[in-house]
């Protein structure tokens, strides 16, 4: 999972649409879940990409396609089995209902 998180972070930054100080990639393991026909060998990764407003629909689509392609390639061996699912959803954050304080931005911006 660590390598996957690093890949997603790199891919996000390579789009050129997001500031380095704003990128946070994390993974949470679900200990309890049910998927499809509930076979124990089934697995999935559900990716949620939350972004601030300010990017066009084409930019959001391009970023999503880049992330999904990179992760799909990284997980190719899992797709070789009939037991794996991957999803990605991009959600725009409502700035009026989101509070953030970030001391990393000024450092990375050199201010």
PDB file of N, CA and C in Angstrom:
ATOM      1  N   UNK A   1       0.827  -1.204   0.000  1.00  0.00           N
ATOM      2  CA  UNK A   1       0.000   0.000   0.000  1.00  0.00           C
ATOM      3  C   UNK A   1       0.865   1.259   0.000  1.00  0.00           C
ATOM      4  N   UNK A   2       2.011   1.184   0.654  1.00  0.00           N
ATOM      5  CA  UNK A   2       2.899   2.339   0.667  1.00  0.00           C
ATOM      6  C   UNK A   2       3.345   2.715  -0.739  1.00  0.00           C
ATOM      7  N   UNK A   3       3.725   1.718  -1.534  1.00  0.00           N
ATOM      8  CA  UNK A   3       4.151   1.976  -2.909  1.00  0.00           C
ATOM      9  C   UNK A   3       2.994   2.528  -3.740  1.00  0.00           C
ATOM     10  N   UNK A   4       1.804   2.030  -3.500  1.00  0.00           N
ATOM     11  CA  UNK A   4       0.636   2.523  -4.226  1.00  0.00           C
ATOM     12  C   UNK A   4       0.349   3.982  -3.869  1.00  0.00           C
ATOM     13  N   UNK A   5       0.447   4.319  -2.586  1.00  0.00           N
ATOM     14  CA  UNK A   5       0.234   5.709  -2.158  1.00  0.00           C
ATOM     15  C   UNK A   5       1.268   6.631  -2.790  1.00  0.00           C
ATOM     16  N   UNK A   6       2.525   6.194  -2.838  1.00  0.00           N
ATOM     17  CA  UNK A   6       3.579   6.991  -3.479  1.00  0.00           C
ATOM     18  C   UNK A   6       3.284   7.199  -4.965  1.00  0.00           C
ATOM     19  N   UNK A   7       2.834   6.151  -5.625  1.00  0.00           N
ATOM     20  CA  UNK A   7       2.492   6.236  -7.048  1.00  0.00           C
ATOM     21  C   UNK A   7       1.363   7.232  -7.281  1.00  0.00           C
ATOM     22  N   UNK A   8       0.325   7.158  -6.472  1.00  0.00           N
ATOM     23  CA  UNK A   8      -0.804   8.074  -6.632  1.00  0.00           C
ATOM     24  C   UNK A   8      -0.356   9.511  -6.392  1.00  0.00           C
ATOM     25  N   UNK A   9       0.453   9.732  -5.377  1.00  0.00           N
ATOM     26  CA  UNK A   9       0.955  11.074  -5.092  1.00  0.00           C
ATOM     27  C   UNK A   9       1.760  11.620  -6.273  1.00  0.00           C
ATOM     28  N   UNK A  10       2.680  10.820  -6.774  1.00  0.00           N
ATOM     29  CA  UNK A  10       3.493  11.234  -7.943  1.00  0.00           C
ATOM     30  C   UNK A  10       2.613  11.552  -9.144  1.00  0.00           C
ATOM     31  N   UNK A  11       1.645  10.703  -9.385  1.00  0.00           N
ATOM     32  CA  UNK A  11       0.766  10.871 -10.545  1.00  0.00           C
ATOM     33  C   UNK A  11      -0.056  12.154 -10.423  1.00  0.00           C
ATOM     34  N   UNK A  12      -0.558  12.426  -9.235  1.00  0.00           N
ATOM     35  CA  UNK A  12      -1.319  13.658  -9.001  1.00  0.00           C
ATOM     36  C   UNK A  12      -0.448  14.868  -9.309  1.00  0.00           C
ATOM     37  N   UNK A  13       0.779  14.867  -8.791  1.00  0.00           N
ATOM     38  CA  UNK A  13       1.676  16.004  -9.013  1.00  0.00           C
ATOM     39  C   UNK A  13       2.076  16.139 -10.483  1.00  0.00           C
ATOM     40  N   UNK A  14       2.243  15.023 -11.163  1.00  0.00           N
ATOM     41  CA  UNK A  14       2.626  15.052 -12.578  1.00  0.00           C
ATOM     42  C   UNK A  14       1.559  15.674 -13.469  1.00  0.00           C
ATOM     43  N   UNK A  15       0.318  15.742 -12.996  1.00  0.00           N
ATOM     44  CA  UNK A  15      -0.727  16.384 -13.801  1.00  0.00           C
ATOM     45  C   UNK A  15      -0.478  17.887 -13.912  1.00  0.00           C
ATOM     46  N   UNK A  16       0.253  18.453 -12.936  1.00  0.00           N
ATOM     47  CA  UNK A  16       0.502  19.889 -12.915  1.00  0.00           C
ATOM     48  C   UNK A  16      -0.691  20.700 -12.441  1.00  0.00           C
ATOM     49  N   UNK A  17      -1.725  20.053 -11.958  1.00  0.00           N
ATOM     50  CA  UNK A  17      -2.953  20.735 -11.552  1.00  0.00           C
ATOM     51  C   UNK A  17      -3.058  20.979 -10.052  1.00  0.00           C
ATOM     52  N   UNK A  18      -2.127  20.400  -9.278  1.00  0.00           N
ATOM     53  CA  UNK A  18      -2.244  20.460  -7.831  1.00  0.00           C
ATOM     54  C   UNK A  18      -0.908  20.846  -7.211  1.00  0.00           C
ATOM     55  N   UNK A  19      -0.975  21.643  -6.142  1.00  0.00           N
ATOM     56  CA  UNK A  19       0.231  22.041  -5.425  1.00  0.00           C
ATOM     57  C   UNK A  19       0.737  20.887  -4.565  1.00  0.00           C
ATOM     58  N   UNK A  20       2.036  20.780  -4.483  1.00  0.00           N
ATOM     59  CA  UNK A  20       2.644  19.706  -3.709  1.00  0.00           C
ATOM     60  C   UNK A  20       2.162  19.705  -2.265  1.00  0.00           C
ATOM     61  N   UNK A  21       2.053  20.874  -1.653  1.00  0.00           N
ATOM     62  CA  UNK A  21       1.653  20.957  -0.259  1.00  0.00           C
ATOM     63  C   UNK A  21       0.214  20.573   0.010  1.00  0.00           C
ATOM     64  N   UNK A  22      -0.569  20.459  -1.039  1.00  0.00           N
ATOM     65  CA  UNK A  22      -1.984  20.123  -0.875  1.00  0.00           C
ATOM     66  C   UNK A  22      -2.259  18.631  -1.046  1.00  0.00           C
ATOM     67  N   UNK A  23      -1.292  17.899  -1.546  1.00  0.00           N
ATOM     68  CA  UNK A  23      -1.526  16.487  -1.860  1.00  0.00           C
ATOM     69  C   UNK A  23      -1.346  15.627  -0.619  1.00  0.00           C
ATOM     70  N   UNK A  24      -2.380  14.865  -0.314  1.00  0.00           N
ATOM     71  CA  UNK A  24      -2.364  13.914   0.794  1.00  0.00           C
ATOM     72  C   UNK A  24      -2.961  12.599   0.295  1.00  0.00           C
ATOM     73  N   UNK A  25      -2.203  11.562   0.383  1.00  0.00           N
ATOM     74  CA  UNK A  25      -2.679  10.251  -0.057  1.00  0.00           C
ATOM     75  C   UNK A  25      -2.610   9.319   1.143  1.00  0.00           C
ATOM     76  N   UNK A  26      -3.697   8.657   1.406  1.00  0.00           N
ATOM     77  CA  UNK A  26      -3.737   7.735   2.539  1.00  0.00           C
ATOM     78  C   UNK A  26      -4.567   6.508   2.172  1.00  0.00           C
ATOM     79  N   UNK A  27      -4.320   5.433   2.881  1.00  0.00           N
ATOM     80  CA  UNK A  27      -5.045   4.184   2.638  1.00  0.00           C
ATOM     81  C   UNK A  27      -5.598   3.668   3.965  1.00  0.00           C
ATOM     82  N   UNK A  28      -6.803   3.198   3.919  1.00  0.00           N
ATOM     83  CA  UNK A  28      -7.453   2.604   5.088  1.00  0.00           C
ATOM     84  C   UNK A  28      -7.902   1.199   4.727  1.00  0.00           C
ATOM     85  N   UNK A  29      -7.549   0.259   5.552  1.00  0.00           N
ATOM     86  CA  UNK A  29      -7.967  -1.118   5.341  1.00  0.00           C
ATOM     87  C   UNK A  29      -9.343  -1.321   5.968  1.00  0.00           C
ATOM     88  N   UNK A  30     -10.227  -1.925   5.235  1.00  0.00           N
ATOM     89  CA  UNK A  30     -11.555  -2.273   5.762  1.00  0.00           C
ATOM     90  C   UNK A  30     -11.493  -3.709   6.267  1.00  0.00           C
ATOM     91  N   UNK A  31     -11.603  -3.865   7.554  1.00  0.00           N
ATOM     92  CA  UNK A  31     -11.543  -5.207   8.142  1.00  0.00           C
ATOM     93  C   UNK A  31     -12.813  -6.004   7.877  1.00  0.00           C
ATOM     94  N   UNK A  32     -13.919  -5.309   7.736  1.00  0.00           N
ATOM     95  CA  UNK A  32     -15.198  -5.974   7.513  1.00  0.00           C
ATOM     96  C   UNK A  32     -15.833  -5.379   6.260  1.00  0.00           C
ATOM     97  N   UNK A  33     -16.188  -6.222   5.317  1.00  0.00           N
ATOM     98  CA  UNK A  33     -16.842  -5.772   4.092  1.00  0.00           C
ATOM     99  C   UNK A  33     -17.497  -6.957   3.398  1.00  0.00           C
ATOM    100  N   UNK A  34     -18.365  -6.669   2.462  1.00  0.00           N
ATOM    101  CA  UNK A  34     -18.953  -7.689   1.600  1.00  0.00           C
ATOM    102  C   UNK A  34     -18.863  -7.160   0.174  1.00  0.00           C
ATOM    103  N   UNK A  35     -18.365  -7.969  -0.725  1.00  0.00           N
ATOM    104  CA  UNK A  35     -18.241  -7.557  -2.120  1.00  0.00           C
ATOM    105  C   UNK A  35     -18.738  -8.683  -3.030  1.00  0.00           C
ATOM    106  N   UNK A  36     -19.553  -8.295  -3.988  1.00  0.00           N
ATOM    107  CA  UNK A  36     -20.052  -9.187  -5.040  1.00  0.00           C
ATOM    108  C   UNK A  36     -20.630 -10.473  -4.454  1.00  0.00           C
ATOM    109  N   UNK A  37     -20.047 -11.612  -4.847  1.00  0.00           N
ATOM    110  CA  UNK A  37     -20.581 -12.902  -4.393  1.00  0.00           C
ATOM    111  C   UNK A  37     -19.973 -13.360  -3.064  1.00  0.00           C
ATOM    112  N   UNK A  38     -19.286 -12.455  -2.391  1.00  0.00           N
ATOM    113  CA  UNK A  38     -18.746 -12.651  -1.048  1.00  0.00           C
ATOM    114  C   UNK A  38     -17.715 -13.773  -0.939  1.00  0.00           C
ATOM    115  N   UNK A  39     -17.033 -14.084  -2.040  1.00  0.00           N
ATOM    116  CA  UNK A  39     -15.939 -15.052  -1.956  1.00  0.00           C
ATOM    117  C   UNK A  39     -14.790 -14.433  -1.167  1.00  0.00           C
ATOM    118  N   UNK A  40     -14.118 -15.194  -0.336  1.00  0.00           N
ATOM    119  CA  UNK A  40     -13.048 -14.634   0.492  1.00  0.00           C
ATOM    120  C   UNK A  40     -11.875 -14.092  -0.314  1.00  0.00           C
ATOM    121  N   UNK A  41     -11.677 -14.565  -1.530  1.00  0.00           N
ATOM    122  CA  UNK A  41     -10.567 -14.059  -2.340  1.00  0.00           C
ATOM    123  C   UNK A  41     -10.888 -12.751  -3.064  1.00  0.00           C
ATOM    124  N   UNK A  42     -12.132 -12.292  -2.999  1.00  0.00           N
ATOM    125  CA  UNK A  42     -12.506 -11.013  -3.602  1.00  0.00           C
ATOM    126  C   UNK A  42     -11.823  -9.864  -2.858  1.00  0.00           C
ATOM    127  N   UNK A  43     -11.468  -8.850  -3.609  1.00  0.00           N
ATOM    128  CA  UNK A  43     -10.894  -7.661  -3.003  1.00  0.00           C
ATOM    129  C   UNK A  43     -11.211  -6.444  -3.845  1.00  0.00           C
ATOM    130  N   UNK A  44     -11.008  -5.273  -3.283  1.00  0.00           N
ATOM    131  CA  UNK A  44     -11.280  -4.048  -4.024  1.00  0.00           C
ATOM    132  C   UNK A  44     -10.502  -2.895  -3.425  1.00  0.00           C
ATOM    133  N   UNK A  45     -10.325  -1.885  -4.232  1.00  0.00           N
ATOM    134  CA  UNK A  45      -9.809  -0.598  -3.776  1.00  0.00           C
ATOM    135  C   UNK A  45     -10.785   0.450  -4.271  1.00  0.00           C
ATOM    136  N   UNK A  46     -11.274   1.241  -3.345  1.00  0.00           N
ATOM    137  CA  UNK A  46     -12.213   2.319  -3.637  1.00  0.00           C
ATOM    138  C   UNK A  46     -11.475   3.631  -3.397  1.00  0.00           C
ATOM    139  N   UNK A  47     -11.128   4.338  -4.466  1.00  0.00           N
ATOM    140  CA  UNK A  47     -10.373   5.583  -4.345  1.00  0.00           C
ATOM    141  C   UNK A  47     -11.329   6.778  -4.406  1.00  0.00           C
ATOM    142  N   UNK A  48     -11.141   7.690  -3.471  1.00  0.00           N
ATOM    143  CA  UNK A  48     -11.894   8.943  -3.448  1.00  0.00           C
ATOM    144  C   UNK A  48     -10.885  10.073  -3.522  1.00  0.00           C
ATOM    145  N   UNK A  49     -11.030  10.920  -4.526  1.00  0.00           N
ATOM    146  CA  UNK A  49     -10.102  12.023  -4.740  1.00  0.00           C
ATOM    147  C   UNK A  49     -10.874  13.314  -4.516  1.00  0.00           C
ATOM    148  N   UNK A  50     -10.620  13.946  -3.372  1.00  0.00           N
ATOM    149  CA  UNK A  50     -11.302  15.196  -3.030  1.00  0.00           C
ATOM    150  C   UNK A  50     -10.416  16.353  -3.454  1.00  0.00           C
ATOM    151  N   UNK A  51     -10.989  17.276  -4.224  1.00  0.00           N
ATOM    152  CA  UNK A  51     -10.217  18.412  -4.728  1.00  0.00           C
ATOM    153  C   UNK A  51     -10.990  19.710  -4.504  1.00  0.00           C
ATOM    154  N   UNK A  52     -10.243  20.799  -4.418  1.00  0.00           N
ATOM    155  CA  UNK A  52     -10.870  22.108  -4.344  1.00  0.00           C
ATOM    156  C   UNK A  52     -11.374  22.538  -5.705  1.00  0.00           C
ATOM    157  N   UNK A  53     -12.256  23.515  -5.693  1.00  0.00           N
ATOM    158  CA  UNK A  53     -12.803  24.045  -6.942  1.00  0.00           C
ATOM    159  C   UNK A  53     -11.721  24.787  -7.712  1.00  0.00           C
ATOM    160  N   UNK A  54     -11.976  25.006  -8.991  1.00  0.00           N
ATOM    161  CA  UNK A  54     -11.062  25.800  -9.789  1.00  0.00           C
ATOM    162  C   UNK A  54     -10.484  25.078 -10.990  1.00  0.00           C
ATOM    163  N   UNK A  55     -10.858  23.838 -11.191  1.00  0.00           N
ATOM    164  CA  UNK A  55     -10.368  23.110 -12.356  1.00  0.00           C
ATOM    165  C   UNK A  55     -11.523  22.807 -13.305  1.00  0.00           C
ATOM    166  N   UNK A  56     -11.227  22.848 -14.575  1.00  0.00           N
ATOM    167  CA  UNK A  56     -12.267  22.589 -15.574  1.00  0.00           C
ATOM    168  C   UNK A  56     -12.647  21.110 -15.566  1.00  0.00           C
ATOM    169  N   UNK A  57     -13.768  20.816 -16.186  1.00  0.00           N
ATOM    170  CA  UNK A  57     -14.210  19.421 -16.292  1.00  0.00           C
ATOM    171  C   UNK A  57     -13.164  18.597 -17.038  1.00  0.00           C
ATOM    172  N   UNK A  58     -12.570  19.173 -18.075  1.00  0.00           N
ATOM    173  CA  UNK A  58     -11.541  18.465 -18.842  1.00  0.00           C
ATOM    174  C   UNK A  58     -10.311  18.184 -17.979  1.00  0.00           C
ATOM    175  N   UNK A  59      -9.920  19.141 -17.138  1.00  0.00           N
ATOM    176  CA  UNK A  59      -8.766  18.942 -16.256  1.00  0.00           C
ATOM    177  C   UNK A  59      -9.049  17.856 -15.224  1.00  0.00           C
ATOM    178  N   UNK A  60     -10.244  17.881 -14.655  1.00  0.00           N
ATOM    179  CA  UNK A  60     -10.608  16.853 -13.670  1.00  0.00           C
ATOM    180  C   UNK A  60     -10.632  15.476 -14.323  1.00  0.00           C
ATOM    181  N   UNK A  61     -11.186  15.403 -15.523  1.00  0.00           N
ATOM    182  CA  UNK A  61     -11.245  14.126 -16.231  1.00  0.00           C
ATOM    183  C   UNK A  61      -9.847  13.624 -16.559  1.00  0.00           C
ATOM    184  N   UNK A  62      -8.982  14.516 -17.013  1.00  0.00           N
ATOM    185  CA  UNK A  62      -7.610  14.149 -17.349  1.00  0.00           C
ATOM    186  C   UNK A  62      -6.863  13.638 -16.117  1.00  0.00           C
ATOM    187  N   UNK A  63      -7.021  14.318 -14.980  1.00  0.00           N
ATOM    188  CA  UNK A  63      -6.373  13.885 -13.740  1.00  0.00           C
ATOM    189  C   UNK A  63      -6.896  12.512 -13.324  1.00  0.00           C
ATOM    190  N   UNK A  64      -8.208  12.333 -13.377  1.00  0.00           N
ATOM    191  CA  UNK A  64      -8.799  11.046 -13.016  1.00  0.00           C
ATOM    192  C   UNK A  64      -8.310   9.926 -13.909  1.00  0.00           C
ATOM    193  N   UNK A  65      -8.240  10.182 -15.197  1.00  0.00           N
ATOM    194  CA  UNK A  65      -7.769   9.161 -16.134  1.00  0.00           C
ATOM    195  C   UNK A  65      -6.312   8.800 -15.859  1.00  0.00           C
ATOM    196  N   UNK A  66      -5.486   9.803 -15.548  1.00  0.00           N
ATOM    197  CA  UNK A  66      -4.067   9.542 -15.264  1.00  0.00           C
ATOM    198  C   UNK A  66      -3.913   8.690 -14.009  1.00  0.00           C
ATOM    199  N   UNK A  67      -4.639   9.043 -12.966  1.00  0.00           N
ATOM    200  CA  UNK A  67      -4.563   8.293 -11.707  1.00  0.00           C
ATOM    201  C   UNK A  67      -5.061   6.869 -11.904  1.00  0.00           C
ATOM    202  N   UNK A  68      -6.222   6.740 -12.552  1.00  0.00           N
ATOM    203  CA  UNK A  68      -6.817   5.416 -12.743  1.00  0.00           C
ATOM    204  C   UNK A  68      -5.913   4.525 -13.586  1.00  0.00           C
ATOM    205  N   UNK A  69      -5.309   5.085 -14.643  1.00  0.00           N
ATOM    206  CA  UNK A  69      -4.415   4.300 -15.501  1.00  0.00           C
ATOM    207  C   UNK A  69      -3.167   3.852 -14.739  1.00  0.00           C
ATOM    208  N   UNK A  70      -2.574   4.759 -13.961  1.00  0.00           N
ATOM    209  CA  UNK A  70      -1.365   4.408 -13.204  1.00  0.00           C
ATOM    210  C   UNK A  70      -1.649   3.315 -12.186  1.00  0.00           C
ATOM    211  N   UNK A  71      -2.756   3.439 -11.471  1.00  0.00           N
ATOM    212  CA  UNK A  71      -3.105   2.446 -10.454  1.00  0.00           C
ATOM    213  C   UNK A  71      -3.476   1.123 -11.123  1.00  0.00           C
ATOM    214  N   UNK A  72      -4.214   1.176 -12.207  1.00  0.00           N
ATOM    215  CA  UNK A  72      -4.585  -0.051 -12.925  1.00  0.00           C
ATOM    216  C   UNK A  72      -3.343  -0.810 -13.388  1.00  0.00           C
ATOM    217  N   UNK A  73      -2.368  -0.079 -13.906  1.00  0.00           N
ATOM    218  CA  UNK A  73      -1.126  -0.720 -14.359  1.00  0.00           C
ATOM    219  C   UNK A  73      -0.371  -1.315 -13.168  1.00  0.00           C
ATOM    220  N   UNK A  74      -0.300  -0.575 -12.083  1.00  0.00           N
ATOM    221  CA  UNK A  74       0.398  -1.042 -10.877  1.00  0.00           C
ATOM    222  C   UNK A  74      -0.238  -2.321 -10.322  1.00  0.00           C
ATOM    223  N   UNK A  75      -1.530  -2.449 -10.470  1.00  0.00           N
ATOM    224  CA  UNK A  75      -2.265  -3.591  -9.913  1.00  0.00           C
ATOM    225  C   UNK A  75      -2.623  -4.636 -10.968  1.00  0.00           C
ATOM    226  N   UNK A  76      -1.896  -4.651 -12.064  1.00  0.00           N
ATOM    227  CA  UNK A  76      -2.215  -5.543 -13.186  1.00  0.00           C
ATOM    228  C   UNK A  76      -2.333  -7.003 -12.762  1.00  0.00           C
ATOM    229  N   UNK A  77      -1.493  -7.444 -11.835  1.00  0.00           N
ATOM    230  CA  UNK A  77      -1.569  -8.850 -11.422  1.00  0.00           C
ATOM    231  C   UNK A  77      -2.891  -9.172 -10.740  1.00  0.00           C
ATOM    232  N   UNK A  78      -3.456  -8.193 -10.033  1.00  0.00           N
ATOM    233  CA  UNK A  78      -4.756  -8.432  -9.402  1.00  0.00           C
ATOM    234  C   UNK A  78      -5.867  -8.525 -10.436  1.00  0.00           C
ATOM    235  N   UNK A  79      -5.738  -7.754 -11.527  1.00  0.00           N
ATOM    236  CA  UNK A  79      -6.754  -7.814 -12.575  1.00  0.00           C
ATOM    237  C   UNK A  79      -6.655  -9.097 -13.394  1.00  0.00           C
ATOM    238  N   UNK A  80      -5.555  -9.814 -13.246  1.00  0.00           N
ATOM    239  CA  UNK A  80      -5.412 -11.098 -13.930  1.00  0.00           C
ATOM    240  C   UNK A  80      -6.253 -12.176 -13.251  1.00  0.00           C
ATOM    241  N   UNK A  81      -6.765 -11.879 -12.068  1.00  0.00           N
ATOM    242  CA  UNK A  81      -7.656 -12.795 -11.365  1.00  0.00           C
ATOM    243  C   UNK A  81      -9.095 -12.302 -11.545  1.00  0.00           C
ATOM    244  N   UNK A  82     -10.071 -13.171 -11.340  1.00  0.00           N
ATOM    245  CA  UNK A  82     -11.468 -12.731 -11.440  1.00  0.00           C
ATOM    246  C   UNK A  82     -12.041 -12.265 -10.101  1.00  0.00           C
ATOM    247  N   UNK A  83     -11.180 -11.666  -9.255  1.00  0.00           N
ATOM    248  CA  UNK A  83     -11.618 -11.352  -7.897  1.00  0.00           C
ATOM    249  C   UNK A  83     -11.273  -9.939  -7.443  1.00  0.00           C
ATOM    250  N   UNK A  84     -11.062  -9.010  -8.357  1.00  0.00           N
ATOM    251  CA  UNK A  84     -10.616  -7.681  -7.938  1.00  0.00           C
ATOM    252  C   UNK A  84     -11.411  -6.587  -8.638  1.00  0.00           C
ATOM    253  N   UNK A  85     -11.696  -5.524  -7.892  1.00  0.00           N
ATOM    254  CA  UNK A  85     -12.411  -4.363  -8.444  1.00  0.00           C
ATOM    255  C   UNK A  85     -11.704  -3.086  -7.998  1.00  0.00           C
ATOM    256  N   UNK A  86     -11.701  -2.103  -8.872  1.00  0.00           N
ATOM    257  CA  UNK A  86     -11.076  -0.805  -8.599  1.00  0.00           C
ATOM    258  C   UNK A  86     -12.052   0.286  -8.998  1.00  0.00           C
ATOM    259  N   UNK A  87     -12.162   1.316  -8.157  1.00  0.00           N
ATOM    260  CA  UNK A  87     -13.021   2.451  -8.504  1.00  0.00           C
ATOM    261  C   UNK A  87     -12.332   3.743  -8.079  1.00  0.00           C
ATOM    262  N   UNK A  88     -12.682   4.821  -8.766  1.00  0.00           N
ATOM    263  CA  UNK A  88     -12.173   6.153  -8.459  1.00  0.00           C
ATOM    264  C   UNK A  88     -13.304   7.150  -8.659  1.00  0.00           C
ATOM    265  N   UNK A  89     -13.476   8.005  -7.681  1.00  0.00           N
ATOM    266  CA  UNK A  89     -14.467   9.076  -7.778  1.00  0.00           C
ATOM    267  C   UNK A  89     -13.792  10.385  -7.385  1.00  0.00           C
ATOM    268  N   UNK A  90     -14.003  11.418  -8.191  1.00  0.00           N
ATOM    269  CA  UNK A  90     -13.490  12.743  -7.875  1.00  0.00           C
ATOM    270  C   UNK A  90     -14.633  13.569  -7.317  1.00  0.00           C
ATOM    271  N   UNK A  91     -14.385  14.191  -6.170  1.00  0.00           N
ATOM    272  CA  UNK A  91     -15.394  15.031  -5.519  1.00  0.00           C
ATOM    273  C   UNK A  91     -14.803  16.420  -5.293  1.00  0.00           C
ATOM    274  N   UNK A  92     -15.571  17.442  -5.639  1.00  0.00           N
ATOM    275  CA  UNK A  92     -15.147  18.812  -5.368  1.00  0.00           C
ATOM    276  C   UNK A  92     -15.585  19.218  -3.974  1.00  0.00           C
ATOM    277  N   UNK A  93     -14.666  19.807  -3.248  1.00  0.00           N
ATOM    278  CA  UNK A  93     -14.932  20.254  -1.883  1.00  0.00           C
ATOM    279  C   UNK A  93     -15.594  21.631  -1.925  1.00  0.00           C
ATOM    280  N   UNK A  94     -16.638  21.812  -1.165  1.00  0.00           N
ATOM    281  CA  UNK A  94     -17.288  23.111  -1.034  1.00  0.00           C
ATOM    282  C   UNK A  94     -16.431  23.952  -0.090  1.00  0.00           C
ATOM    283  N   UNK A  95     -15.761  24.976  -0.616  1.00  0.00           N
ATOM    284  CA  UNK A  95     -14.828  25.786   0.169  1.00  0.00           C
ATOM    285  C   UNK A  95     -15.495  26.450   1.368  1.00  0.00           C
ATOM    286  N   UNK A  96     -16.773  26.773   1.258  1.00  0.00           N
ATOM    287  CA  UNK A  96     -17.475  27.418   2.370  1.00  0.00           C
ATOM    288  C   UNK A  96     -17.702  26.475   3.544  1.00  0.00           C
ATOM    289  N   UNK A  97     -17.602  25.185   3.284  1.00  0.00           N
ATOM    290  CA  UNK A  97     -17.853  24.193   4.324  1.00  0.00           C
ATOM    291  C   UNK A  97     -16.618  23.341   4.604  1.00  0.00           C
ATOM    292  N   UNK A  98     -15.445  23.905   4.334  1.00  0.00           N
ATOM    293  CA  UNK A  98     -14.197  23.184   4.540  1.00  0.00           C
ATOM    294  C   UNK A  98     -13.179  24.119   5.175  1.00  0.00           C
ATOM    295  N   UNK A  99     -12.622  23.698   6.296  1.00  0.00           N
ATOM    296  CA  UNK A  99     -11.650  24.521   7.005  1.00  0.00           C
ATOM    297  C   UNK A  99     -10.310  23.815   6.969  1.00  0.00           C
ATOM    298  N   UNK A 100      -9.261  24.582   6.654  1.00  0.00           N
ATOM    299  CA  UNK A 100      -7.922  24.015   6.574  1.00  0.00           C
ATOM    300  C   UNK A 100      -6.918  25.013   7.117  1.00  0.00           C
ATOM    301  N   UNK A 101      -5.877  24.495   7.713  1.00  0.00           N
ATOM    302  CA  UNK A 101      -4.747  25.301   8.150  1.00  0.00           C
ATOM    303  C   UNK A 101      -3.511  24.508   7.764  1.00  0.00           C
ATOM    304  N   UNK A 102      -2.637  25.088   6.954  1.00  0.00           N
ATOM    305  CA  UNK A 102      -1.550  24.329   6.360  1.00  0.00           C
ATOM    306  C   UNK A 102      -0.243  25.104   6.467  1.00  0.00           C
ATOM    307  N   UNK A 103       0.648  24.659   7.322  1.00  0.00           N
ATOM    308  CA  UNK A 103       1.965  25.287   7.452  1.00  0.00           C
ATOM    309  C   UNK A 103       2.949  24.742   6.416  1.00  0.00           C
ATOM    310  N   UNK A 104       2.558  23.739   5.669  1.00  0.00           N
ATOM    311  CA  UNK A 104       3.435  23.142   4.655  1.00  0.00           C
ATOM    312  C   UNK A 104       3.500  24.017   3.410  1.00  0.00           C
ATOM    313  N   UNK A 105       2.367  24.594   3.006  1.00  0.00           N
ATOM    314  CA  UNK A 105       2.344  25.437   1.803  1.00  0.00           C
ATOM    315  C   UNK A 105       3.423  26.513   1.821  1.00  0.00           C
ATOM    316  N   UNK A 106       3.493  27.356   2.855  1.00  0.00           N
ATOM    317  CA  UNK A 106       4.501  28.415   2.838  1.00  0.00           C
ATOM    318  C   UNK A 106       5.935  27.888   2.696  1.00  0.00           C
ATOM    319  N   UNK A 107       6.229  26.783   3.334  1.00  0.00           N
ATOM    320  CA  UNK A 107       7.564  26.206   3.229  1.00  0.00           C
ATOM    321  C   UNK A 107       7.864  25.776   1.809  1.00  0.00           C
ATOM    322  N   UNK A 108       6.932  25.076   1.173  1.00  0.00           N
ATOM    323  CA  UNK A 108       7.140  24.598  -0.181  1.00  0.00           C
ATOM    324  C   UNK A 108       7.122  25.717  -1.219  1.00  0.00           C
ATOM    325  N   UNK A 109       6.403  26.768  -0.924  1.00  0.00           N
ATOM    326  CA  UNK A 109       6.357  27.924  -1.821  1.00  0.00           C
ATOM    327  C   UNK A 109       7.561  28.838  -1.633  1.00  0.00           C
ATOM    328  N   UNK A 110       8.379  28.547  -0.603  1.00  0.00           N
ATOM    329  CA  UNK A 110       9.554  29.349  -0.341  1.00  0.00           C
ATOM    330  C   UNK A 110       9.270  30.680   0.318  1.00  0.00           C
ATOM    331  N   UNK A 111       8.153  30.764   1.053  1.00  0.00           N
ATOM    332  CA  UNK A 111       7.768  32.017   1.700  1.00  0.00           C
ATOM    333  C   UNK A 111       7.948  31.939   3.190  1.00  0.00           C
TER     334      UNK A 111
END
